[in-house]
Amino acid sequence: MKNAIKTLLTSALIVGMGITLPAQANDVDPVERSFNPYKYEQPDLGNLKVGAVVNAANVDSLARQFLDDGMYKMVKDGWVELTVGNTTPIPLSMKYQEATRNNYKDVTLGEKIGQINGYISGRPFPQEPDLNDPRAGEKLAWNFRYGMFFGDSGRIAPFYWKYRDMESGKVERTMKMEFRGYNWMHRTIEAPLGNVDNNPSGVFRSIYMRVDEPYDVKNTQLLIHRYEDDLKRDNAWLYLGFQRRVRRLASGQITDSFLGSDLMIEDFEGYNGRISDMKWTYKGVKWVLLPIYNHNEQPLGEEFASDDGYKFVTFGGKGGCFPNTSWQVRKTYEIEAVPVDSNHPVGKREMYMDSETGALLRINVHDRSEKLWKMWFITQNHYDSHLERHKGIGVPVFDGFGMMDVQAMHCTTAQMRSEIHPGTFDTKSFTPQYLRATGR
């Protein structure tokens, strides 16, 4: 079983799995291993070589073991071809790593799902997950929640979404948006460090989105407050430009289609919900091809090119729903997330978390009858290959996404210009009052 590591028990077992490890790797401290997985583990690629193009004709002989079931079907059916890139470490910020080292030994789970004790900052559970631990999946969910997706704050602008018919490839609608994310607590890189003052409600993180084009939905805005107490429901507000008013979203609306796209609000960033809303099960290690790459080495497009020369990744494959980027074989943690609410439209999510960055970059969404419903992938690139200002920042950069509804044969793709710690907004930008003020 070359592509799945259940536990790192003995050197003989590791060799039998086709994974190479330096001597005495099991003695390495968990923080070092968590942030430097490829220093201690490398996949046996077999016949798969860097530069190879995996397609319907060769997928079984070259890459079946490196594809999850959903992605395998897409390749086997001829919907997409994948170019294999070199597996490139993406070291996270040393400040975040040091915060992990200083704090992780005091972190424990509470009695209920969604409760955590002793967390200050960094990755709460850097230890290699254990299949024999019934709460290993929940620990990985906490690692995701407190991960380094936009550092302590981030902005995507411009942010282009395209709605596509997968059969014809026709682009039905193009949206131009702005996205912002801001951590109020557990900040490790950007000032103010630690926790932001004047946060009486105990907000952990806020996200904000605004539509700039087209005209009929211009100034539609979304604001979400996620609280430090995971058992407390999020607050969410929507400003509709044509109505010129702010309304609070009911909790059930996060599973509706967002602005007619193939995404729910709960889908944002891989998973945008409470930990307590899901039952988390760890399924083991799997070496998987993920859309991680160096931005400046990809075939970038002229569409939407900015004045400073920045160019976006492009999309191809069936319906134009797949990124035209290289894919790396990465060590991932396979997680199953099943909604606690039996009325939830999702039956389960099969998630593949990149072990180094902590991001959820490949997700298969099943409906309540357990049929594959949606394929979700988010592309991520090395910060040194992106904007000049990102060099050495230690925060991987999101570059695009594709969400495919394989039952409706429809997809939504996105092209992003992400900025880590842009310095262009503060906590005042994440209030209902801000929605009203900017929507006029």
Protein backbone atom coordinates (compact mmCIF):
# COMPACT_ATOMS: atom_id res chain seq x y z
CA MET A 1 0.00 0.00 0.00
CA LYS A 2 2.31 2.66 -1.35
CA ASN A 3 -0.04 5.59 -1.10
CA ALA A 4 -1.43 5.35 2.42
CA ILE A 5 0.41 5.49 5.71
CA LYS A 6 -1.79 4.35 8.55
CA THR A 7 0.69 4.87 11.37
CA LEU A 8 4.46 5.19 11.56
CA LEU A 9 5.15 2.08 13.58
CA THR A 10 8.38 0.44 12.47
CA SER A 11 11.02 0.98 9.83
CA ALA A 12 10.12 -2.32 8.20
CA LEU A 13 6.50 -1.30 7.82
CA ILE A 14 7.47 2.04 6.30
CA VAL A 15 9.77 0.42 3.75
CA GLY A 16 7.01 -2.01 2.84
CA MET A 17 4.75 0.91 2.03
CA GLY A 18 7.19 2.38 -0.45
CA ILE A 19 7.90 5.44 1.72
CA THR A 20 11.48 6.44 2.35
CA LEU A 21 12.43 7.84 5.74
CA PRO A 22 15.77 8.96 7.17
CA ALA A 23 17.14 6.90 10.02
CA GLN A 24 15.53 7.48 13.42
CA ALA A 25 12.75 9.59 11.87
CA ASN A 26 10.32 8.34 14.50
CA ASP A 27 12.40 10.10 17.15
CA VAL A 28 11.85 13.54 15.56
CA ASP A 29 9.72 15.89 17.62
CA PRO A 30 6.12 16.23 16.35
CA VAL A 31 6.37 19.94 15.54
CA GLU A 32 9.42 19.38 13.32
CA ARG A 33 7.70 16.51 11.50
CA SER A 34 4.40 18.36 11.14
CA PHE A 35 5.93 21.36 9.37
CA ASN A 36 8.61 19.47 7.41
CA PRO A 37 6.91 16.26 6.25
CA TYR A 38 9.01 15.82 3.10
CA LYS A 39 12.22 15.90 5.08
CA TYR A 40 11.12 12.61 6.66
CA GLU A 41 8.79 11.01 4.12
CA GLN A 42 8.83 10.73 0.34
CA PRO A 43 6.37 8.79 -1.83
CA ASP A 44 7.48 5.99 -4.10
CA LEU A 45 6.18 7.36 -7.41
CA GLY A 46 6.76 4.12 -9.31
CA ASN A 47 6.33 4.85 -13.03
CA LEU A 48 4.99 8.35 -12.40
CA LYS A 49 7.57 10.97 -13.31
CA VAL A 50 7.69 14.74 -12.95
CA GLY A 51 6.47 16.21 -16.24
CA ALA A 52 4.24 13.24 -17.06
CA VAL A 53 0.74 13.94 -18.32
CA VAL A 54 -1.81 11.65 -16.70
CA ASN A 55 -4.75 10.92 -18.98
CA ALA A 56 -7.50 8.38 -19.58
CA ALA A 57 -5.15 6.00 -21.41
CA ASN A 58 -2.40 5.81 -18.77
CA VAL A 59 -4.06 6.70 -15.47
CA ASP A 60 -4.36 3.08 -14.29
CA SER A 61 -0.68 2.30 -14.86
CA LEU A 62 0.77 5.63 -13.74
CA ALA A 63 -1.35 7.34 -11.12
CA ARG A 64 -4.37 5.37 -9.86
CA GLN A 65 -2.87 5.17 -6.36
CA PHE A 66 -2.33 8.93 -6.26
CA LEU A 67 -5.90 9.94 -7.10
CA ASP A 68 -8.95 9.95 -4.87
CA ASP A 69 -11.96 8.17 -6.34
CA GLY A 70 -13.67 11.32 -7.59
CA MET A 71 -10.58 12.67 -9.36
CA TYR A 72 -9.78 9.24 -10.80
CA LYS A 73 -13.22 9.11 -12.42
CA MET A 74 -12.73 12.56 -13.98
CA VAL A 75 -9.42 11.52 -15.54
CA LYS A 76 -10.63 8.06 -16.57
CA ASP A 77 -13.69 9.54 -18.29
CA GLY A 78 -11.44 11.92 -20.27
CA TRP A 79 -12.64 15.10 -18.59
CA VAL A 80 -9.17 16.30 -17.67
CA GLU A 81 -5.46 15.57 -18.04
CA LEU A 82 -3.07 16.27 -15.16
CA THR A 83 0.51 17.43 -15.57
CA VAL A 84 2.71 16.19 -12.72
CA GLY A 85 4.91 18.75 -10.99
CA ASN A 86 7.74 18.34 -8.54
CA THR A 87 6.66 17.99 -4.90
CA THR A 88 7.79 21.31 -3.43
CA PRO A 89 7.92 22.02 0.31
CA ILE A 90 6.05 25.18 1.34
CA PRO A 91 7.48 26.11 4.77
CA LEU A 92 5.03 27.98 6.96
CA SER A 93 6.00 31.10 8.86
CA MET A 94 8.61 30.44 11.56
CA LYS A 95 6.55 32.61 13.92
CA TYR A 96 3.59 30.28 13.46
CA GLN A 97 5.84 27.24 13.92
CA GLU A 98 7.35 28.72 17.07
CA ALA A 99 3.89 29.50 18.46
CA THR A 100 3.01 25.85 17.88
CA ARG A 101 6.13 24.64 19.67
CA ASN A 102 5.49 26.90 22.66
CA ASN A 103 1.83 26.03 23.13
CA TYR A 104 0.75 22.65 21.74
CA LYS A 105 1.53 20.56 24.84
CA ASP A 106 -1.20 22.34 26.81
CA VAL A 107 -3.95 21.87 24.21
CA THR A 108 -6.68 19.27 24.77
CA LEU A 109 -10.16 18.59 23.45
CA GLY A 110 -13.18 19.27 25.61
CA GLU A 111 -15.92 16.78 26.37
CA LYS A 112 -18.10 17.87 23.44
CA ILE A 113 -17.25 18.18 19.75
CA GLY A 114 -16.37 21.84 19.24
CA GLN A 115 -14.71 22.35 22.61
CA ILE A 116 -10.96 22.93 22.96
CA ASN A 117 -8.91 23.75 26.05
CA GLY A 118 -5.60 25.54 26.48
CA TYR A 119 -5.22 26.84 22.92
CA ILE A 120 -3.21 30.07 22.49
CA SER A 121 -1.79 30.13 18.95
CA GLY A 122 -0.12 28.04 16.25
CA ARG A 123 -1.19 24.56 15.11
CA PRO A 124 -3.08 23.06 18.06
CA PHE A 125 -2.40 19.38 17.32
CA PRO A 126 0.87 18.93 15.38
CA GLN A 127 1.21 15.28 16.43
CA GLU A 128 0.82 12.70 13.64
CA PRO A 129 -2.85 11.63 13.74
CA ASP A 130 -3.54 8.14 15.02
CA LEU A 131 -6.13 5.84 13.43
CA ASN A 132 -6.76 4.37 16.88
CA ASP A 133 -7.71 7.79 18.25
CA PRO A 134 -11.50 8.21 17.80
CA ARG A 135 -11.12 12.02 17.90
CA ALA A 136 -8.19 12.29 15.48
CA GLY A 137 -10.46 13.74 12.79
CA GLU A 138 -11.72 16.38 15.17
CA LYS A 139 -8.15 17.38 16.02
CA LEU A 140 -7.39 17.83 12.32
CA ALA A 141 -10.51 19.99 12.03
CA TRP A 142 -9.08 22.26 14.73
CA ASN A 143 -5.77 22.40 12.85
CA PHE A 144 -7.74 23.56 9.82
CA ARG A 145 -9.65 26.17 11.77
CA TYR A 146 -6.48 27.70 13.18
CA GLY A 147 -4.50 27.30 9.96
CA MET A 148 -2.52 29.78 7.88
CA PHE A 149 -4.83 30.40 4.93
CA PHE A 150 -4.51 34.18 4.72
CA GLY A 151 -2.07 34.71 7.56
CA ASP A 152 -3.75 36.98 10.10
CA SER A 153 -5.57 38.92 7.39
CA GLY A 154 -5.94 38.60 3.66
CA ARG A 155 -7.65 40.06 0.64
CA ILE A 156 -8.61 38.72 -2.78
CA ALA A 157 -9.15 41.52 -5.29
CA PRO A 158 -10.01 41.15 -8.01
CA PHE A 159 -11.79 37.84 -7.53
CA TYR A 160 -13.43 36.54 -10.71
CA TRP A 161 -16.11 33.84 -10.62
CA LYS A 162 -17.40 32.20 -13.79
CA TYR A 163 -20.55 30.09 -13.98
CA ARG A 164 -20.15 27.40 -16.64
CA ASP A 165 -22.24 24.79 -18.41
CA MET A 166 -20.07 21.66 -18.31
CA GLU A 167 -21.61 20.13 -21.43
CA SER A 168 -21.20 23.11 -23.76
CA GLY A 169 -18.40 24.95 -21.97
CA LYS A 170 -20.42 28.15 -22.22
CA VAL A 171 -19.66 30.82 -19.61
CA GLU A 172 -23.10 31.89 -18.44
CA ARG A 173 -22.09 34.62 -16.04
CA THR A 174 -18.94 36.36 -14.80
CA MET A 175 -18.80 37.98 -11.37
CA LYS A 176 -16.12 40.35 -10.14
CA MET A 177 -15.82 40.38 -6.34
CA GLU A 178 -13.63 41.25 -3.41
CA PHE A 179 -13.00 38.93 -0.45
CA ARG A 180 -11.46 39.77 2.92
CA GLY A 181 -10.59 37.61 5.90
CA TYR A 182 -9.50 38.86 9.33
CA ASN A 183 -8.48 37.00 12.49
CA TRP A 184 -9.42 38.81 15.69
CA MET A 185 -7.67 36.25 17.91
CA HIS A 186 -4.56 34.00 18.01
CA ARG A 187 -2.57 36.25 15.67
CA THR A 188 1.07 35.24 15.18
CA ILE A 189 2.52 37.34 12.33
CA GLU A 190 0.72 40.65 11.75
CA ALA A 191 0.21 43.35 14.37
CA PRO A 192 -1.58 43.43 16.66
CA LEU A 193 -0.21 40.09 17.81
CA GLY A 194 -2.25 37.84 20.08
CA ASN A 195 -5.83 39.11 20.35
CA VAL A 196 -7.36 42.33 19.07
CA ASP A 197 -8.59 44.69 21.80
CA ASN A 198 -12.26 45.67 22.02
CA ASN A 199 -13.78 42.35 21.02
CA PRO A 200 -16.54 41.91 23.61
CA SER A 201 -18.49 39.38 21.53
CA GLY A 202 -15.51 37.04 21.30
CA VAL A 203 -15.28 36.94 17.50
CA PHE A 204 -12.49 34.68 16.31
CA ARG A 205 -12.62 35.41 12.58
CA SER A 206 -14.61 37.50 10.12
CA ILE A 207 -15.00 37.18 6.38
CA TYR A 208 -16.44 39.79 4.06
CA MET A 209 -17.40 39.63 0.37
CA ARG A 210 -18.63 42.32 -1.99
CA VAL A 211 -19.82 42.03 -5.60
CA ASP A 212 -18.52 44.75 -7.93
CA GLU A 213 -19.87 43.39 -11.24
CA PRO A 214 -22.28 42.78 -12.95
CA TYR A 215 -24.59 45.70 -12.39
CA ASP A 216 -27.70 43.74 -11.37
CA VAL A 217 -25.97 42.39 -8.23
CA LYS A 218 -23.46 45.20 -7.69
CA ASN A 219 -22.85 46.04 -4.01
CA THR A 220 -24.27 42.75 -2.74
CA GLN A 221 -22.23 42.16 0.41
CA LEU A 222 -21.81 39.26 2.82
CA LEU A 223 -20.38 39.45 6.34
CA ILE A 224 -19.81 36.46 8.63
CA HIS A 225 -18.63 36.48 12.24
CA ARG A 226 -17.31 33.18 13.58
CA TYR A 227 -16.96 33.11 17.34
CA GLU A 228 -14.17 31.70 19.47
CA ASP A 229 -16.81 29.55 21.17
CA ASP A 230 -17.53 26.99 18.47
CA LEU A 231 -20.80 26.02 20.15
CA LYS A 232 -22.09 29.54 19.49
CA ARG A 233 -23.72 29.94 16.08
CA ASP A 234 -22.14 32.25 13.53
CA ASN A 235 -23.71 35.60 12.81
CA ALA A 236 -24.09 36.42 9.12
CA TRP A 237 -25.48 39.48 7.35
CA LEU A 238 -26.32 40.11 3.69
CA TYR A 239 -26.60 43.54 2.09
CA LEU A 240 -28.63 43.58 -1.12
CA GLY A 241 -27.73 46.57 -3.26
CA PHE A 242 -31.09 46.79 -5.02
CA GLN A 243 -32.92 46.80 -1.65
CA ARG A 244 -30.36 49.00 0.13
CA ARG A 245 -30.77 47.20 3.42
CA VAL A 246 -28.93 44.73 5.62
CA ARG A 247 -30.64 41.54 6.67
CA ARG A 248 -29.45 38.80 8.96
CA LEU A 249 -29.07 35.36 7.39
CA ALA A 250 -30.76 32.41 9.03
CA SER A 251 -28.38 29.59 9.91
CA GLY A 252 -29.95 27.31 7.30
CA GLN A 253 -29.13 29.71 4.47
CA ILE A 254 -25.41 28.84 4.57
CA THR A 255 -26.32 25.63 2.72
CA ASP A 256 -28.22 27.42 -0.06
CA SER A 257 -26.65 28.22 -3.40
CA PHE A 258 -24.65 31.44 -3.02
CA LEU A 259 -25.69 33.99 -5.67
CA GLY A 260 -26.75 31.23 -8.04
CA SER A 261 -23.31 29.56 -8.03
CA ASP A 262 -22.44 25.92 -7.32
CA LEU A 263 -21.10 26.88 -3.88
CA MET A 264 -22.79 27.10 -0.52
CA ILE A 265 -21.46 29.58 2.00
CA GLU A 266 -20.49 26.50 4.01
CA ASP A 267 -18.16 25.48 1.15
CA PHE A 268 -15.99 28.61 1.32
CA GLU A 269 -12.25 27.96 1.85
CA GLY A 270 -12.87 24.21 1.81
CA TYR A 271 -15.17 24.21 4.82
CA ASN A 272 -16.76 27.31 6.31
CA GLY A 273 -18.77 25.99 9.21
CA ARG A 274 -18.53 25.13 12.87
CA ILE A 275 -16.56 22.10 14.00
CA SER A 276 -19.52 21.13 16.17
CA ASP A 277 -21.76 20.88 13.08
CA MET A 278 -19.92 17.79 11.83
CA LYS A 279 -18.84 14.37 12.99
CA TRP A 280 -15.16 14.07 12.01
CA THR A 281 -13.49 10.75 11.20
CA TYR A 282 -9.81 10.36 10.33
CA LYS A 283 -9.32 7.78 7.55
CA GLY A 284 -5.52 7.71 7.31
CA VAL A 285 -2.68 9.12 5.24
CA LYS A 286 -3.01 9.13 1.46
CA TRP A 287 -0.49 10.44 -1.07
CA VAL A 288 -2.61 12.42 -3.51
CA LEU A 289 -2.13 14.62 -6.56
CA LEU A 290 -3.16 18.13 -5.50
CA PRO A 291 -3.22 21.42 -7.46
CA ILE A 292 -0.21 22.95 -5.69
CA TYR A 293 2.42 24.67 -7.81
CA ASN A 294 4.56 27.73 -8.45
CA HIS A 295 2.36 30.47 -9.90
CA ASN A 296 5.03 31.99 -12.13
CA GLU A 297 5.73 28.61 -13.80
CA GLN A 298 2.14 28.06 -15.00
CA PRO A 299 0.56 28.94 -18.39
CA LEU A 300 -1.02 32.21 -17.27
CA GLY A 301 -3.72 34.02 -19.25
CA GLU A 302 -4.07 37.51 -20.66
CA GLU A 303 -7.70 37.84 -19.59
CA PHE A 304 -8.05 40.17 -16.59
CA ALA A 305 -4.30 40.99 -16.67
CA SER A 306 -3.59 43.96 -14.39
CA ASP A 307 -1.56 47.10 -15.03
CA ASP A 308 1.35 45.80 -12.92
CA GLY A 309 1.63 42.67 -15.06
CA TYR A 310 -0.08 40.20 -12.75
CA LYS A 311 -1.73 37.37 -14.68
CA PHE A 312 -4.21 34.75 -13.53
CA VAL A 313 -4.20 30.99 -13.87
CA THR A 314 -6.47 29.64 -16.59
CA PHE A 315 -8.97 26.80 -16.78
CA GLY A 316 -9.54 23.98 -19.26
CA GLY A 317 -10.74 20.38 -19.40
CA LYS A 318 -14.40 19.50 -19.68
CA GLY A 319 -16.51 22.65 -19.60
CA GLY A 320 -13.43 24.70 -18.72
CA CYS A 321 -13.88 23.58 -15.11
CA PHE A 322 -10.33 22.37 -14.31
CA PRO A 323 -7.25 24.52 -13.61
CA ASN A 324 -4.51 24.51 -16.26
CA THR A 325 -1.83 24.00 -13.65
CA SER A 326 0.55 21.28 -12.58
CA TRP A 327 -0.36 18.89 -9.76
CA GLN A 328 1.99 17.60 -7.04
CA VAL A 329 1.91 14.29 -5.19
CA ARG A 330 1.40 15.45 -1.60
CA LYS A 331 1.04 13.80 1.77
CA THR A 332 -2.57 14.31 2.83
CA TYR A 333 -4.79 13.36 5.73
CA GLU A 334 -8.07 11.85 4.58
CA ILE A 335 -11.01 13.02 6.66
CA GLU A 336 -14.71 12.24 6.49
CA ALA A 337 -17.11 14.93 7.74
CA VAL A 338 -20.74 13.93 8.25
CA PRO A 339 -23.31 16.59 9.25
CA VAL A 340 -24.81 16.20 12.71
CA ASP A 341 -28.15 17.50 11.35
CA SER A 342 -29.84 14.72 9.38
CA ASN A 343 -31.69 17.37 7.33
CA HIS A 344 -28.46 18.83 5.99
CA PRO A 345 -28.33 18.62 2.16
CA VAL A 346 -24.84 17.10 2.30
CA GLY A 347 -24.55 13.43 3.22
CA LYS A 348 -20.80 13.55 3.76
CA ARG A 349 -17.64 15.28 2.64
CA GLU A 350 -14.47 13.34 1.80
CA MET A 351 -11.69 15.82 2.52
CA TYR A 352 -7.99 15.68 1.70
CA MET A 353 -5.97 17.98 3.94
CA ASP A 354 -2.46 18.85 2.83
CA SER A 355 -0.33 17.72 5.77
CA GLU A 356 2.16 20.58 5.44
CA THR A 357 -0.05 23.63 4.78
CA GLY A 358 -3.14 22.34 6.62
CA ALA A 359 -5.42 23.39 3.75
CA LEU A 360 -8.38 21.38 2.41
CA LEU A 361 -7.59 21.36 -1.31
CA ARG A 362 -9.61 18.35 -2.59
CA ILE A 363 -13.10 17.53 -1.41
CA ASN A 364 -15.74 15.14 -2.72
CA VAL A 365 -19.24 16.11 -1.62
CA HIS A 366 -21.87 13.36 -1.49
CA ASP A 367 -25.61 13.86 -1.25
CA ARG A 368 -27.78 12.18 1.37
CA SER A 369 -28.15 9.08 -0.81
CA GLU A 370 -24.32 8.85 -0.79
CA LYS A 371 -24.01 9.63 -4.52
CA LEU A 372 -21.18 11.91 -5.63
CA TRP A 373 -22.70 15.36 -5.90
CA LYS A 374 -19.90 17.92 -6.15
CA MET A 375 -16.15 17.95 -6.79
CA TRP A 376 -14.32 20.76 -5.02
CA PHE A 377 -10.70 21.72 -5.54
CA ILE A 378 -8.79 24.79 -4.43
CA THR A 379 -5.44 25.68 -5.97
CA GLN A 380 -2.54 26.86 -3.82
CA ASN A 381 0.90 28.13 -4.75
CA HIS A 382 4.22 28.86 -3.08
CA TYR A 383 4.42 32.42 -1.77
CA ASP A 384 7.87 32.96 -3.35
CA SER A 385 6.37 32.41 -6.82
CA HIS A 386 3.60 34.96 -6.45
CA LEU A 387 3.69 38.73 -5.84
CA GLU A 388 7.05 40.25 -5.01
CA ARG A 389 5.73 41.40 -1.64
CA HIS A 390 4.95 37.80 -0.68
CA LYS A 391 8.51 36.49 -0.92
CA GLY A 392 9.48 34.82 2.34
CA ILE A 393 6.14 35.56 4.02
CA GLY A 394 5.54 31.94 5.04
CA VAL A 395 1.86 31.89 4.04
CA PRO A 396 0.74 29.77 1.03
CA VAL A 397 -1.33 31.72 -1.48
CA PHE A 398 -4.71 30.64 -2.87
CA ASP A 399 -4.85 31.07 -6.63
CA GLY A 400 -8.19 29.73 -7.81
CA PHE A 401 -10.90 27.13 -7.33
CA GLY A 402 -13.34 24.93 -9.16
CA MET A 403 -16.61 23.58 -7.80
CA MET A 404 -18.30 21.07 -10.11
CA ASP A 405 -21.83 19.82 -9.65
CA VAL A 406 -21.42 16.51 -11.48
CA GLN A 407 -25.13 15.73 -11.18
CA ALA A 408 -26.26 19.01 -12.77
CA MET A 409 -23.21 19.13 -15.09
CA HIS A 410 -22.44 22.68 -14.07
CA CYS A 411 -19.43 24.32 -12.44
CA THR A 412 -18.21 27.55 -10.88
CA THR A 413 -14.57 28.51 -11.29
CA ALA A 414 -12.59 31.32 -9.72
CA GLN A 415 -9.41 33.20 -10.52
CA MET A 416 -7.80 35.11 -7.68
CA ARG A 417 -5.30 37.81 -6.97
CA SER A 418 -4.63 37.12 -3.28
CA GLU A 419 -2.79 39.49 -0.96
CA ILE A 420 -1.49 38.41 2.43
CA HIS A 421 -1.57 41.13 5.12
CA PRO A 422 -2.59 43.88 2.69
CA GLY A 423 -2.82 46.55 5.41
CA THR A 424 -5.83 48.15 3.73
CA PHE A 425 -8.52 47.42 6.32
CA ASP A 426 -9.12 46.91 10.04
CA THR A 427 -11.85 45.60 12.32
CA LYS A 428 -14.20 48.45 11.34
CA SER A 429 -14.47 46.84 7.90
CA PHE A 430 -16.18 43.82 9.46
CA THR A 431 -19.34 45.30 10.94
CA PRO A 432 -22.97 45.53 9.72
CA GLN A 433 -22.55 49.32 9.85
CA TYR A 434 -19.78 49.05 7.25
CA LEU A 435 -22.13 47.21 4.91
CA ARG A 436 -24.66 50.01 5.15
CA ALA A 437 -22.09 52.77 4.74
CA THR A 438 -20.42 51.29 1.66
CA GLY A 439 -23.64 50.10 0.06
CA ARG A 440 -25.18 53.53 -0.36
